[in-house]
Every structure is written in C-alpha cells, then in structure tokens.
C-alpha cells in the first residue's frame, strides 16, 4: 500500500513539474513575441532625441534597447576605439568614437565596420568630416567584460565588446565635464565620405524556440502520466499461481 502511494505521489509530482515547465515556456513565448513586436516598432519609428542625463537612471533594455535616436555634435576622432567584430562583410572592427553632443554630454557612437586592413586611422581619414555632424542610429546597451572566452584588455588596447564604461575610462573621457551616456549608438546606413566606416549593420535577432520547448515538456508530462497509469494498473493485477 505504501509503495503504491509513493508511486502515485512521485508520478503526480513529476507530471506536475513537466506541466509547470511547459506552461512557463508558453508564457515565455508570449513575452518574447511581445518583445519582438515592440523592438520592431522601435526600429522603424521616427528617430527621437537621444536620452540625456536626466533620463539615464530610468533606462532599461526592455524600455529602450534598439530605440531609434538622433543626436548632433562633434566627434573626437583622436579617441576612437576599435572593437573586434564579425559581420556579414567579414572580420574586422567596429569603430567607436566619442561624440560630444550640443546638449552637453558625450555618447559613444559605433560609426560602423571597417575591415582589418583599414584598422589604421589613415585608411579611413576621408570618413572623418570636421565640424558638427548629425547621427541617427539605434540605442544599444553596454556590453561589459568582453566576448566569448576573451576579456577586454584596456591596457593592451584590445577590445572584444562595446563596454562603454571601460572604453570611456581608457580614453580619458569618463571624468570630463561632459558626462558619458551609459549606452552607445549604432549608426545607421547613411554613407560616410570615402565609404568607411560602414554603418547600418546592426543584427537584431531574438531566438524564439519556446514553442518547441513547451511541446517537449508537455510530451514528457503525458509520458510520465501514461507510465504512472501503466504501473498502477499492473500493481492491481493479482499474480498468477
């Protein structure tokens, strides 16, 4: 009797866990689809002014990532940072340049991609216009630490991720009168003089396998329930003599 009760309780517990995991994946799928819809709307919306210091504390990835923004100011080309990148155009670097905005704060702008052979500043000098510039792009959140199995090395000037705080510190712009925004901006595909850097290469991909996961968990719940029924039916049969 105790064994039978233990089987029932154990089987029900396992089935309940599988059902719960399946339902959780369904809820995650609903959340992911809503996120995709919101991001798509931001990407194709009219650009709005880049958030200023008064808004930084309230910025979150859920509310602001991939927001289309615009800003004007002057680039500090001499403080550019190259971050290793792999794109549809091959391997090379993102060119991150501080832009001192006309609103009194600084934003790191990912001006776009350059191939490895154009890593030297002289190779892209034609793409560094003087004076005030206007930039439109997508707001992105910092990528602290580095890339997969590779840590950023500020001392060696080797960068594998767009870590805003670390880059600002390494380039000596974190303590200037112009506060540095906690985000960076991926410039759009507007062509630069000379053709480099190449902007507009932001990849927006959200993996959405939640339906497959949900069906898997529900299938396991069905199998565990069926196994429990089979065992209980077998335990009711009287042994043959």
Protein backbone atom coordinates (compact mmCIF):
# COMPACT_ATOMS: atom_id res chain seq x y z
CA UNK A 1 0.00 0.00 0.00
CA UNK A 2 2.80 2.41 0.91
CA UNK A 3 4.67 1.57 -2.29
CA UNK A 4 1.57 2.24 -4.35
CA UNK A 5 1.01 5.57 -2.58
CA UNK A 6 4.65 6.54 -3.15
CA UNK A 7 4.29 5.73 -6.86
CA UNK A 8 1.17 7.87 -7.12
CA UNK A 9 2.72 10.83 -5.32
CA UNK A 10 6.01 10.59 -7.21
CA UNK A 11 4.28 10.23 -10.57
CA UNK A 12 1.96 13.15 -9.89
CA UNK A 13 4.89 15.30 -8.76
CA UNK A 14 6.93 14.57 -11.89
CA UNK A 15 3.94 15.16 -14.15
CA UNK A 16 3.17 18.41 -12.35
CA UNK A 17 6.75 19.62 -12.76
CA UNK A 18 6.69 18.89 -16.51
CA UNK A 19 3.34 20.63 -16.89
CA UNK A 20 4.65 23.64 -15.00
CA UNK A 21 7.75 23.87 -17.18
CA UNK A 22 5.61 23.61 -20.32
CA UNK A 23 3.32 26.40 -19.12
CA UNK A 24 6.32 28.54 -18.22
CA UNK A 25 7.63 28.16 -21.78
CA UNK A 26 4.23 29.19 -23.16
CA UNK A 27 4.36 32.31 -21.00
CA UNK A 28 7.95 32.98 -22.15
CA UNK A 29 6.82 32.67 -25.77
CA UNK A 30 4.07 35.24 -25.24
CA UNK A 31 6.63 37.58 -23.63
CA UNK A 32 9.15 37.03 -26.45
CA UNK A 33 6.59 37.72 -29.18
CA UNK A 34 5.57 40.93 -27.43
CA UNK A 35 9.24 41.94 -27.13
CA UNK A 36 9.83 41.28 -30.84
CA UNK A 37 6.80 43.40 -31.75
CA UNK A 38 7.98 46.26 -29.55
CA UNK A 39 11.53 46.17 -30.91
CA UNK A 40 10.28 46.07 -34.50
CA UNK A 41 8.16 49.14 -33.78
CA UNK A 42 11.16 50.99 -32.30
CA UNK A 43 13.48 50.16 -35.19
CA UNK A 44 11.07 51.55 -37.78
CA UNK A 45 9.82 54.53 -35.77
CA UNK A 46 10.81 58.11 -36.40
CA UNK A 47 14.03 58.95 -34.52
CA UNK A 48 13.74 60.76 -31.21
CA UNK A 49 16.42 62.75 -29.35
CA UNK A 50 18.98 60.52 -27.62
CA UNK A 51 18.23 60.31 -23.87
CA UNK A 52 20.03 62.90 -21.78
CA UNK A 53 21.41 62.62 -18.23
CA UNK A 54 18.01 63.27 -16.67
CA UNK A 55 16.72 60.04 -18.26
CA UNK A 56 19.66 57.69 -17.75
CA UNK A 57 18.62 56.33 -14.36
CA UNK A 58 15.33 55.05 -15.77
CA UNK A 59 16.70 53.42 -18.92
CA UNK A 60 16.27 49.67 -19.21
CA UNK A 61 16.82 47.23 -22.06
CA UNK A 62 13.11 46.39 -22.05
CA UNK A 63 12.09 50.02 -22.48
CA UNK A 64 14.87 51.49 -24.61
CA UNK A 65 17.09 48.94 -26.41
CA UNK A 66 17.03 49.43 -30.20
CA UNK A 67 15.19 52.74 -29.87
CA UNK A 68 15.87 54.85 -32.96
CA UNK A 69 17.54 58.07 -31.84
CA UNK A 70 19.25 61.12 -33.29
CA UNK A 71 21.98 63.35 -31.92
CA UNK A 72 24.20 66.17 -33.12
CA UNK A 73 27.63 67.29 -32.02
CA UNK A 74 31.31 66.85 -32.79
CA UNK A 75 33.29 63.64 -32.99
CA UNK A 76 36.54 63.23 -31.08
CA UNK A 77 38.20 61.11 -33.74
CA UNK A 78 41.51 61.01 -31.90
CA UNK A 79 39.84 58.97 -29.14
CA UNK A 80 38.35 56.29 -31.36
CA UNK A 81 38.32 52.68 -30.17
CA UNK A 82 38.38 49.61 -32.39
CA UNK A 83 36.32 46.64 -31.19
CA UNK A 84 36.75 43.29 -32.89
CA UNK A 85 33.74 42.34 -34.99
CA UNK A 86 32.47 39.59 -37.26
CA UNK A 87 29.84 40.78 -39.70
CA UNK A 88 28.20 39.89 -43.00
CA UNK A 89 31.13 41.74 -44.57
CA UNK A 90 33.68 39.53 -42.83
CA UNK A 91 36.02 40.07 -39.89
CA UNK A 92 37.25 43.45 -38.84
CA UNK A 93 36.41 46.12 -36.30
CA UNK A 94 33.64 48.37 -35.07
CA UNK A 95 34.82 51.99 -34.87
CA UNK A 96 33.54 53.59 -31.66
CA UNK A 97 34.06 57.34 -31.47
CA UNK A 98 33.00 59.73 -28.67
CA UNK A 99 30.54 62.35 -29.87
CA UNK A 100 30.34 65.46 -27.72
CA UNK A 101 26.73 66.47 -28.20
CA UNK A 102 25.43 70.00 -28.46
CA UNK A 103 23.36 69.19 -25.36
CA UNK A 104 26.43 68.91 -23.14
CA UNK A 105 27.01 65.17 -22.75
CA UNK A 106 29.06 62.58 -24.59
CA UNK A 107 27.84 59.45 -26.38
CA UNK A 108 29.98 56.66 -27.79
CA UNK A 109 28.87 56.17 -31.38
CA UNK A 110 29.56 52.95 -33.23
CA UNK A 111 30.16 54.59 -36.61
CA UNK A 112 30.26 51.20 -38.29
CA UNK A 113 32.51 48.44 -39.58
CA UNK A 114 35.96 48.57 -41.13
CA UNK A 115 37.88 45.55 -42.46
CA UNK A 116 41.14 44.55 -40.82
CA UNK A 117 43.24 46.26 -43.50
CA UNK A 118 41.58 49.58 -42.63
CA UNK A 119 42.25 49.47 -38.93
CA UNK A 120 44.77 52.33 -39.12
CA UNK A 121 43.16 55.75 -38.84
CA UNK A 122 44.81 56.96 -42.06
CA UNK A 123 42.89 54.36 -44.05
CA UNK A 124 39.55 55.88 -43.05
CA UNK A 125 40.60 59.53 -42.76
CA UNK A 126 38.24 60.52 -45.57
CA UNK A 127 35.35 59.42 -43.39
CA UNK A 128 36.13 61.90 -40.60
CA UNK A 129 34.32 65.14 -41.50
CA UNK A 130 35.13 68.24 -39.47
CA UNK A 131 32.62 70.32 -37.60
CA UNK A 132 29.16 69.48 -36.37
CA UNK A 133 27.60 66.23 -37.53
CA UNK A 134 24.16 64.66 -37.21
CA UNK A 135 23.87 60.97 -36.38
CA UNK A 136 20.84 58.71 -36.49
CA UNK A 137 21.00 55.17 -35.17
CA UNK A 138 19.87 52.57 -32.68
CA UNK A 139 20.35 52.90 -28.94
CA UNK A 140 22.28 49.95 -27.54
CA UNK A 141 23.25 48.98 -24.01
CA UNK A 142 26.84 48.46 -22.96
CA UNK A 143 28.44 45.01 -23.30
CA UNK A 144 30.69 44.82 -20.21
CA UNK A 145 33.58 42.42 -19.79
CA UNK A 146 34.41 41.17 -23.25
CA UNK A 147 33.47 38.49 -25.73
CA UNK A 148 33.18 34.71 -25.56
CA UNK A 149 36.27 33.43 -23.70
CA UNK A 150 38.03 36.74 -24.35
CA UNK A 151 38.26 39.55 -21.84
CA UNK A 152 38.71 43.16 -22.83
CA UNK A 153 42.28 44.31 -22.29
CA UNK A 154 42.24 48.10 -21.90
CA UNK A 155 45.98 48.24 -21.14
CA UNK A 156 46.77 46.42 -24.36
CA UNK A 157 44.03 48.28 -26.28
CA UNK A 158 42.35 45.02 -27.26
CA UNK A 159 38.58 45.14 -27.21
CA UNK A 160 36.10 42.34 -27.81
CA UNK A 161 32.90 44.02 -26.66
CA UNK A 162 31.46 47.50 -26.59
CA UNK A 163 31.96 48.19 -22.89
CA UNK A 164 31.03 51.84 -22.55
CA UNK A 165 32.40 52.45 -19.05
CA UNK A 166 35.72 50.70 -19.70
CA UNK A 167 36.25 52.42 -23.05
CA UNK A 168 35.39 55.82 -21.57
CA UNK A 169 37.90 55.26 -18.78
CA UNK A 170 40.62 54.04 -21.16
CA UNK A 171 40.14 57.04 -23.45
CA UNK A 172 40.05 59.54 -20.60
CA UNK A 173 36.55 60.78 -21.27
CA UNK A 174 34.79 59.43 -18.18
CA UNK A 175 35.83 62.31 -15.93
CA UNK A 176 35.34 65.19 -18.36
CA UNK A 177 32.75 67.93 -17.79
CA UNK A 178 30.65 66.21 -20.46
CA UNK A 179 29.04 63.21 -18.79
CA UNK A 180 29.25 59.96 -20.74
CA UNK A 181 25.96 58.23 -21.55
CA UNK A 182 25.63 54.65 -20.22
CA UNK A 183 24.66 53.46 -23.70
CA UNK A 184 26.15 53.62 -27.18
CA UNK A 185 24.52 54.26 -30.54
CA UNK A 186 24.86 52.06 -33.63
CA UNK A 187 24.94 54.50 -36.54
CA UNK A 188 22.56 53.80 -39.40
CA UNK A 189 23.50 53.05 -43.01
CA UNK A 190 23.97 56.68 -44.05
CA UNK A 191 27.18 56.54 -46.13
CA UNK A 192 30.35 58.12 -44.78
CA UNK A 193 32.75 60.01 -47.06
CA UNK A 194 35.23 57.57 -48.54
CA UNK A 195 32.94 54.64 -47.79
CA UNK A 196 34.29 53.82 -44.31
CA UNK A 197 33.17 53.02 -41.70
CA UNK A 198 30.10 51.12 -42.93
CA UNK A 199 27.10 51.67 -40.67
CA UNK A 200 23.71 50.05 -40.51
CA UNK A 201 24.98 46.54 -39.81
CA UNK A 202 23.16 46.00 -36.52
CA UNK A 203 21.81 42.46 -36.34
CA UNK A 204 18.55 42.21 -34.43
CA UNK A 205 17.79 38.55 -33.74
CA UNK A 206 15.68 37.08 -30.96
CA UNK A 207 15.79 33.32 -30.65
CA UNK A 208 12.27 32.03 -30.12
CA UNK A 209 12.25 28.29 -29.50
CA UNK A 210 9.79 28.45 -26.64
CA UNK A 211 7.02 26.62 -28.51
CA UNK A 212 9.33 23.66 -29.17
CA UNK A 213 10.38 23.62 -25.52
CA UNK A 214 6.77 23.83 -24.36
CA UNK A 215 5.70 20.91 -26.55
CA UNK A 216 8.67 18.89 -25.28
CA UNK A 217 7.75 19.45 -21.64
CA UNK A 218 4.08 18.69 -22.28
CA UNK A 219 5.06 15.50 -24.10
CA UNK A 220 7.17 14.46 -21.12
CA UNK A 221 4.23 15.21 -18.82
CA UNK A 222 1.99 12.98 -20.97
CA UNK A 223 4.58 10.20 -20.99
CA UNK A 224 5.06 10.34 -17.21
CA UNK A 225 1.30 10.28 -16.67
CA UNK A 226 0.94 7.31 -19.02
CA UNK A 227 3.78 5.49 -17.26
CA UNK A 228 2.11 6.09 -13.90
CA UNK A 229 -1.20 4.70 -15.14
CA UNK A 230 0.55 1.66 -16.59
CA UNK A 231 2.38 0.92 -13.34
CA UNK A 232 -0.77 1.37 -11.24
CA UNK A 233 -2.78 -0.96 -13.46
CA UNK A 234 -0.05 -3.55 -13.27
CA UNK A 235 0.06 -3.34 -9.49
CA UNK A 236 -3.66 -4.12 -9.29
CA UNK A 237 -3.35 -7.41 -11.12
CA UNK A 238 -3.17 -10.46 -8.97
CA UNK A 239 -0.12 -12.58 -9.51
CA UNK A 240 -0.75 -15.87 -11.35
CA UNK A 241 -0.20 -19.14 -9.50
